[in-house]
C-alpha atoms as a PDB file:
ATOM      1  CA  MET A   1     -63.214  94.511  24.454  1.00  0.00           C
ATOM      2  CA  PRO A   2     -66.485  92.513  24.822  1.00  0.00           C
ATOM      3  CA  GLN A   3     -65.971  88.801  25.328  1.00  0.00           C
ATOM      4  CA  GLY A   4     -65.571  86.866  22.116  1.00  0.00           C
ATOM      5  CA  GLN A   5     -65.769  89.867  19.823  1.00  0.00           C
ATOM      6  CA  VAL A   6     -62.961  90.891  17.478  1.00  0.00           C
ATOM      7  CA  ASP A   7     -62.818  94.075  15.414  1.00  0.00           C
ATOM      8  CA  PRO A   8     -63.157  92.816  11.786  1.00  0.00           C
ATOM      9  CA  ALA A   9     -60.666  95.450  10.657  1.00  0.00           C
ATOM     10  CA  SER A  10     -57.992  93.793  12.847  1.00  0.00           C
ATOM     11  CA  ILE A  11     -58.263  90.311  11.261  1.00  0.00           C
ATOM     12  CA  PRO A  12     -55.146  89.687   9.178  1.00  0.00           C
ATOM     13  CA  ASP A  13     -55.280  88.469   5.590  1.00  0.00           C
ATOM     14  CA  ASP A  14     -53.287  85.327   6.410  1.00  0.00           C
ATOM     15  CA  GLY A  15     -55.553  82.694   4.827  1.00  0.00           C
ATOM     16  CA  LEU A  16     -56.273  81.078   8.207  1.00  0.00           C
ATOM     17  CA  THR A  17     -59.695  80.209   9.464  1.00  0.00           C
ATOM     18  CA  THR A  18     -60.960  81.422  12.848  1.00  0.00           C
ATOM     19  CA  ARG A  19     -60.419  77.928  14.288  1.00  0.00           C
ATOM     20  CA  GLN A  20     -56.827  77.793  13.003  1.00  0.00           C
ATOM     21  CA  ARG A  21     -56.059  81.251  14.314  1.00  0.00           C
ATOM     22  CA  ARG A  22     -57.296  80.235  17.771  1.00  0.00           C
ATOM     23  CA  LYS A  23     -54.707  77.473  17.876  1.00  0.00           C
ATOM     24  CA  LEU A  24     -51.720  79.744  17.208  1.00  0.00           C
ATOM     25  CA  PRO A  25     -49.039  79.921  19.916  1.00  0.00           C
ATOM     26  CA  VAL A  26     -49.110  82.995  22.139  1.00  0.00           C
ATOM     27  CA  THR A  27     -46.107  84.943  23.490  1.00  0.00           C
ATOM     28  CA  ALA A  28     -47.138  87.080  26.432  1.00  0.00           C
ATOM     29  CA  VAL A  29     -45.086  89.660  28.343  1.00  0.00           C
ATOM     30  CA  HIS A  30     -46.059  91.028  31.773  1.00  0.00           C
ATOM     31  CA  THR A  31     -43.896  94.034  32.533  1.00  0.00           C
ATOM     32  CA  GLY A  32     -43.992  97.396  34.344  1.00  0.00           C
ATOM     33  CA  PRO A  33     -43.310  98.598  37.903  1.00  0.00           C
ATOM     34  CA  GLY A  34     -46.600  97.419  39.408  1.00  0.00           C
ATOM     35  CA  LYS A  35     -47.313  94.311  41.425  1.00  0.00           C
ATOM     36  CA  GLY A  36     -48.956  91.268  39.893  1.00  0.00           C
ATOM     37  CA  LYS A  37     -46.811  90.324  36.880  1.00  0.00           C
ATOM     38  CA  SER A  38     -45.867  86.847  38.120  1.00  0.00           C
ATOM     39  CA  THR A  39     -49.202  86.345  39.824  1.00  0.00           C
ATOM     40  CA  ALA A  40     -51.006  86.896  36.519  1.00  0.00           C
ATOM     41  CA  ALA A  41     -48.646  84.527  34.709  1.00  0.00           C
ATOM     42  CA  PHE A  42     -49.239  81.778  37.281  1.00  0.00           C
ATOM     43  CA  GLY A  43     -52.974  82.336  36.970  1.00  0.00           C
ATOM     44  CA  MET A  44     -52.620  81.650  33.240  1.00  0.00           C
ATOM     45  CA  ALA A  45     -50.646  78.514  34.066  1.00  0.00           C
ATOM     46  CA  LEU A  46     -53.560  77.321  36.222  1.00  0.00           C
ATOM     47  CA  ARG A  47     -55.882  77.722  33.277  1.00  0.00           C
ATOM     48  CA  ALA A  48     -53.465  75.827  31.043  1.00  0.00           C
ATOM     49  CA  TRP A  49     -53.182  72.992  33.611  1.00  0.00           C
ATOM     50  CA  ASN A  50     -56.936  72.735  33.711  1.00  0.00           C
ATOM     51  CA  GLN A  51     -56.912  72.214  29.913  1.00  0.00           C
ATOM     52  CA  GLY A  52     -54.484  69.304  30.319  1.00  0.00           C
ATOM     53  CA  MET A  53     -51.400  71.232  29.085  1.00  0.00           C
ATOM     54  CA  ASP A  54     -47.853  70.336  30.140  1.00  0.00           C
ATOM     55  CA  ILE A  55     -46.579  73.242  32.286  1.00  0.00           C
ATOM     56  CA  GLY A  56     -42.934  74.306  32.662  1.00  0.00           C
ATOM     57  CA  VAL A  57     -42.079  77.097  35.138  1.00  0.00           C
ATOM     58  CA  PHE A  58     -38.573  78.623  35.032  1.00  0.00           C
ATOM     59  CA  GLN A  59     -37.998  81.103  37.867  1.00  0.00           C
ATOM     60  CA  PHE A  60     -34.945  83.239  37.393  1.00  0.00           C
ATOM     61  CA  VAL A  61     -34.579  85.661  40.326  1.00  0.00           C
ATOM     62  CA  LYS A  62     -36.633  84.907  43.468  1.00  0.00           C
ATOM     63  CA  SER A  63     -34.733  83.254  46.318  1.00  0.00           C
ATOM     64  CA  ALA A  64     -34.540  79.480  46.405  1.00  0.00           C
ATOM     65  CA  LYS A  65     -35.566  79.712  50.098  1.00  0.00           C
ATOM     66  CA  TRP A  66     -38.738  81.610  49.234  1.00  0.00           C
ATOM     67  CA  LYS A  67     -41.398  79.095  48.288  1.00  0.00           C
ATOM     68  CA  VAL A  68     -44.195  81.222  46.792  1.00  0.00           C
ATOM     69  CA  GLY A  69     -47.718  79.996  47.187  1.00  0.00           C
ATOM     70  CA  GLU A  70     -48.119  79.410  43.466  1.00  0.00           C
ATOM     71  CA  GLU A  71     -45.213  76.972  43.540  1.00  0.00           C
ATOM     72  CA  THR A  72     -46.842  74.883  46.227  1.00  0.00           C
ATOM     73  CA  VAL A  73     -50.147  74.814  44.381  1.00  0.00           C
ATOM     74  CA  LEU A  74     -48.710  74.031  40.969  1.00  0.00           C
ATOM     75  CA  ARG A  75     -46.432  71.303  42.331  1.00  0.00           C
ATOM     76  CA  ARG A  76     -49.424  69.698  44.026  1.00  0.00           C
ATOM     77  CA  LEU A  77     -51.457  69.928  40.846  1.00  0.00           C
ATOM     78  CA  GLY A  78     -48.579  68.243  39.058  1.00  0.00           C
ATOM     79  CA  GLN A  79     -48.688  65.450  41.626  1.00  0.00           C
ATOM     80  CA  LEU A  80     -52.447  65.240  41.209  1.00  0.00           C
ATOM     81  CA  HIS A  81     -51.904  64.732  37.496  1.00  0.00           C
ATOM     82  CA  ASP A  82     -49.319  62.011  38.140  1.00  0.00           C
ATOM     83  CA  ASP A  83     -51.692  60.258  40.526  1.00  0.00           C
ATOM     84  CA  THR A  84     -55.010  60.608  38.705  1.00  0.00           C
ATOM     85  CA  GLY A  85     -54.374  61.887  35.183  1.00  0.00           C
ATOM     86  CA  GLU A  86     -56.345  65.046  35.874  1.00  0.00           C
ATOM     87  CA  GLY A  87     -55.015  68.291  34.390  1.00  0.00           C
ATOM     88  CA  GLY A  88     -51.458  68.251  33.021  1.00  0.00           C
ATOM     89  CA  PRO A  89     -47.904  67.562  34.251  1.00  0.00           C
ATOM     90  CA  VAL A  90     -45.959  70.333  35.964  1.00  0.00           C
ATOM     91  CA  GLN A  91     -42.254  71.055  36.258  1.00  0.00           C
ATOM     92  CA  TRP A  92     -40.924  73.968  38.362  1.00  0.00           C
ATOM     93  CA  HIS A  93     -37.248  74.996  38.109  1.00  0.00           C
ATOM     94  CA  LYS A  94     -35.669  77.712  40.208  1.00  0.00           C
ATOM     95  CA  MET A  95     -32.264  78.836  41.542  1.00  0.00           C
ATOM     96  CA  GLY A  96     -30.442  76.193  43.531  1.00  0.00           C
ATOM     97  CA  GLU A  97     -31.893  73.453  41.364  1.00  0.00           C
ATOM     98  CA  GLY A  98     -29.969  72.402  38.292  1.00  0.00           C
ATOM     99  CA  TRP A  99     -28.951  75.295  36.014  1.00  0.00           C
ATOM    100  CA  SER A 100     -30.764  78.120  37.844  1.00  0.00           C
ATOM    101  CA  TRP A 101     -28.833  80.985  39.351  1.00  0.00           C
ATOM    102  CA  ALA A 102     -28.870  83.483  42.243  1.00  0.00           C
ATOM    103  CA  LYS A 103     -27.759  87.082  41.956  1.00  0.00           C
ATOM    104  CA  LYS A 104     -26.689  87.317  45.591  1.00  0.00           C
ATOM    105  CA  GLN A 105     -23.952  84.627  45.435  1.00  0.00           C
ATOM    106  CA  GLY A 106     -20.970  84.252  43.139  1.00  0.00           C
ATOM    107  CA  SER A 107     -19.375  86.653  40.660  1.00  0.00           C
ATOM    108  CA  GLU A 108     -21.141  88.429  37.864  1.00  0.00           C
ATOM    109  CA  GLU A 109     -19.368  86.108  35.474  1.00  0.00           C
ATOM    110  CA  ASP A 110     -20.854  83.158  37.279  1.00  0.00           C
ATOM    111  CA  HIS A 111     -24.325  84.667  37.044  1.00  0.00           C
ATOM    112  CA  ALA A 112     -23.930  85.446  33.376  1.00  0.00           C
ATOM    113  CA  ARG A 113     -22.707  81.908  32.596  1.00  0.00           C
ATOM    114  CA  ASP A 114     -25.469  80.243  34.596  1.00  0.00           C
ATOM    115  CA  ALA A 115     -28.187  82.515  33.194  1.00  0.00           C
ATOM    116  CA  ALA A 116     -27.043  81.776  29.663  1.00  0.00           C
ATOM    117  CA  ALA A 117     -27.040  78.035  30.486  1.00  0.00           C
ATOM    118  CA  GLY A 118     -30.570  78.411  31.819  1.00  0.00           C
ATOM    119  CA  TRP A 119     -31.742  80.031  28.656  1.00  0.00           C
ATOM    120  CA  GLU A 120     -30.070  77.327  26.531  1.00  0.00           C
ATOM    121  CA  GLU A 121     -32.026  74.713  28.479  1.00  0.00           C
ATOM    122  CA  ILE A 122     -35.295  76.554  27.845  1.00  0.00           C
ATOM    123  CA  ARG A 123     -34.336  77.033  24.194  1.00  0.00           C
ATOM    124  CA  ARG A 124     -33.674  73.271  23.857  1.00  0.00           C
ATOM    125  CA  ARG A 125     -37.041  72.478  25.378  1.00  0.00           C
ATOM    126  CA  LEU A 126     -38.811  74.884  23.037  1.00  0.00           C
ATOM    127  CA  LEU A 127     -37.120  73.321  19.991  1.00  0.00           C
ATOM    128  CA  ASN A 128     -38.116  69.842  21.255  1.00  0.00           C
ATOM    129  CA  GLN A 129     -41.636  70.942  22.184  1.00  0.00           C
ATOM    130  CA  GLU A 130     -41.246  69.538  25.703  1.00  0.00           C
ATOM    131  CA  HIS A 131     -44.001  71.682  27.284  1.00  0.00           C
ATOM    132  CA  ASP A 132     -47.229  73.278  26.144  1.00  0.00           C
ATOM    133  CA  PHE A 133     -47.089  76.296  28.423  1.00  0.00           C
ATOM    134  CA  TYR A 134     -43.968  78.040  29.747  1.00  0.00           C
ATOM    135  CA  VAL A 135     -43.630  80.665  32.449  1.00  0.00           C
ATOM    136  CA  LEU A 136     -40.256  82.411  32.333  1.00  0.00           C
ATOM    137  CA  ASP A 137     -40.543  84.298  35.589  1.00  0.00           C
ATOM    138  CA  GLU A 138     -38.389  87.439  36.043  1.00  0.00           C
ATOM    139  CA  PHE A 139     -36.679  86.624  32.706  1.00  0.00           C
ATOM    140  CA  THR A 140     -36.466  90.294  31.665  1.00  0.00           C
ATOM    141  CA  TYR A 141     -33.639  90.863  34.158  1.00  0.00           C
ATOM    142  CA  PRO A 142     -30.918  88.565  32.725  1.00  0.00           C
ATOM    143  CA  ILE A 143     -31.814  90.018  29.344  1.00  0.00           C
ATOM    144  CA  LYS A 144     -31.489  93.580  30.696  1.00  0.00           C
ATOM    145  CA  TRP A 145     -28.143  92.769  32.357  1.00  0.00           C
ATOM    146  CA  GLY A 146     -26.827  91.394  29.072  1.00  0.00           C
ATOM    147  CA  TRP A 147     -26.491  87.833  30.367  1.00  0.00           C
ATOM    148  CA  VAL A 148     -28.878  86.447  27.752  1.00  0.00           C
ATOM    149  CA  ASP A 149     -28.821  87.574  24.138  1.00  0.00           C
ATOM    150  CA  ILE A 150     -32.106  89.297  23.258  1.00  0.00           C
ATOM    151  CA  ASP A 151     -31.771  88.603  19.550  1.00  0.00           C
ATOM    152  CA  ASP A 152     -31.432  84.852  20.238  1.00  0.00           C
ATOM    153  CA  VAL A 153     -34.479  84.998  22.542  1.00  0.00           C
ATOM    154  CA  VAL A 154     -36.557  86.853  19.947  1.00  0.00           C
ATOM    155  CA  GLU A 155     -35.592  84.522  17.081  1.00  0.00           C
ATOM    156  CA  THR A 156     -36.274  81.437  19.207  1.00  0.00           C
ATOM    157  CA  LEU A 157     -39.685  82.705  20.238  1.00  0.00           C
ATOM    158  CA  ARG A 158     -40.534  83.793  16.698  1.00  0.00           C
ATOM    159  CA  THR A 159     -39.628  80.453  15.079  1.00  0.00           C
ATOM    160  CA  ARG A 160     -40.508  77.937  17.847  1.00  0.00           C
ATOM    161  CA  PRO A 161     -42.383  74.929  16.506  1.00  0.00           C
ATOM    162  CA  GLY A 162     -45.850  73.759  17.426  1.00  0.00           C
ATOM    163  CA  THR A 163     -48.349  75.622  19.589  1.00  0.00           C
ATOM    164  CA  GLN A 164     -46.224  76.246  22.688  1.00  0.00           C
ATOM    165  CA  HIS A 165     -47.359  79.261  24.741  1.00  0.00           C
ATOM    166  CA  VAL A 166     -44.733  81.398  26.516  1.00  0.00           C
ATOM    167  CA  VAL A 167     -45.317  83.973  29.273  1.00  0.00           C
ATOM    168  CA  ILE A 168     -42.408  86.181  30.336  1.00  0.00           C
ATOM    169  CA  THR A 169     -42.457  88.432  33.423  1.00  0.00           C
ATOM    170  CA  GLY A 170     -40.303  91.200  34.836  1.00  0.00           C
ATOM    171  CA  ARG A 171     -39.744  94.927  34.737  1.00  0.00           C
ATOM    172  CA  ASP A 172     -38.137  96.851  31.894  1.00  0.00           C
ATOM    173  CA  ALA A 173     -38.949  94.386  29.117  1.00  0.00           C
ATOM    174  CA  ASP A 174     -36.656  94.903  26.126  1.00  0.00           C
ATOM    175  CA  PRO A 175     -38.469  96.682  23.214  1.00  0.00           C
ATOM    176  CA  LYS A 176     -37.547  93.736  20.973  1.00  0.00           C
ATOM    177  CA  LEU A 177     -39.307  91.392  23.334  1.00  0.00           C
ATOM    178  CA  VAL A 178     -42.357  93.602  23.364  1.00  0.00           C
ATOM    179  CA  GLU A 179     -42.319  93.662  19.572  1.00  0.00           C
ATOM    180  CA  VAL A 180     -42.294  89.902  19.133  1.00  0.00           C
ATOM    181  CA  ALA A 181     -44.993  89.316  21.740  1.00  0.00           C
ATOM    182  CA  ASP A 182     -48.650  88.835  20.904  1.00  0.00           C
ATOM    183  CA  LEU A 183     -49.934  89.987  24.305  1.00  0.00           C
ATOM    184  CA  VAL A 184     -48.210  92.672  26.368  1.00  0.00           C
ATOM    185  CA  THR A 185     -49.475  93.980  29.701  1.00  0.00           C
ATOM    186  CA  GLU A 186     -47.836  96.741  31.684  1.00  0.00           C
ATOM    187  CA  MET A 187     -48.534  96.726  35.391  1.00  0.00           C
ATOM    188  CA  THR A 188     -48.573 100.330  36.610  1.00  0.00           C
ATOM    189  CA  LYS A 189     -48.300 100.965  40.344  1.00  0.00           C
ATOM    190  CA  ILE A 190     -50.807 103.465  41.739  1.00  0.00           C
ATOM    191  CA  LYS A 191     -50.395 102.627  45.428  1.00  0.00           C
ATOM    192  CA  HIS A 192     -48.550  99.906  47.374  1.00  0.00           C
ATOM    193  CA  PRO A 193     -48.533  99.119  51.112  1.00  0.00           C
ATOM    194  CA  MET A 194     -44.729  99.189  51.114  1.00  0.00           C
ATOM    195  CA  ASP A 195     -44.922 102.897  50.300  1.00  0.00           C
ATOM    196  CA  ALA A 196     -46.386 103.305  53.789  1.00  0.00           C
ATOM    197  CA  GLY A 197     -43.610 101.209  55.408  1.00  0.00           C
ATOM    198  CA  ARG A 198     -45.529  97.908  55.471  1.00  0.00           C
ATOM    199  CA  LYS A 199     -43.500  94.771  54.679  1.00  0.00           C
ATOM    200  CA  GLY A 200     -44.672  91.849  52.570  1.00  0.00           C
ATOM    201  CA  GLN A 201     -47.570  89.871  53.997  1.00  0.00           C
ATOM    202  CA  LYS A 202     -48.644  86.248  53.925  1.00  0.00           C
ATOM    203  CA  GLY A 203     -51.310  85.653  51.295  1.00  0.00           C
ATOM    204  CA  ILE A 204     -50.373  88.883  49.485  1.00  0.00           C
ATOM    205  CA  GLU A 205     -46.669  88.579  48.588  1.00  0.00           C
ATOM    206  CA  TRP A 206     -46.245  84.825  49.143  1.00  0.00           C
END
């Protein structure tokens, strides 16, 4: 679609002006088997930070010992905001910190309880409008495993107050999640270096 152009036939009869419609909250889902789902979400977070938005990142699966490059950058940008007022504040929550969880340790009951507690914390923040832009990284997995109730997630996203944007990443997104989203992108793998026996590389995977 050309930049800035919208098909007139797609404009809803909702009584909103173009300016009002541009301020509506966006729910985005990045799913599919291809690489780049989280990377794209963090790229959106960088744009949001540049606009002065309050950023909240909630990382559900990746190891607490694995500090991805985006985490380092966003944490430093958060510190830059604290020091100078530039951009917006940043919070990054992952397993091993607070209510986050790890699939490799503990029983499945532990994981289910902790994942549900993690979602409740996000839900509370959404209801209280604590952030402007949320990244729920790898959040499709606890939904798929039945640890987080999809109907509760959908209802919370559908009725959240204000103009909070939410980006959710992970494979196998639930059809209900896809339905409630405004923006859905499926990453399809065509080729990957790991198919040729190459392991993850600095600057590519982390």
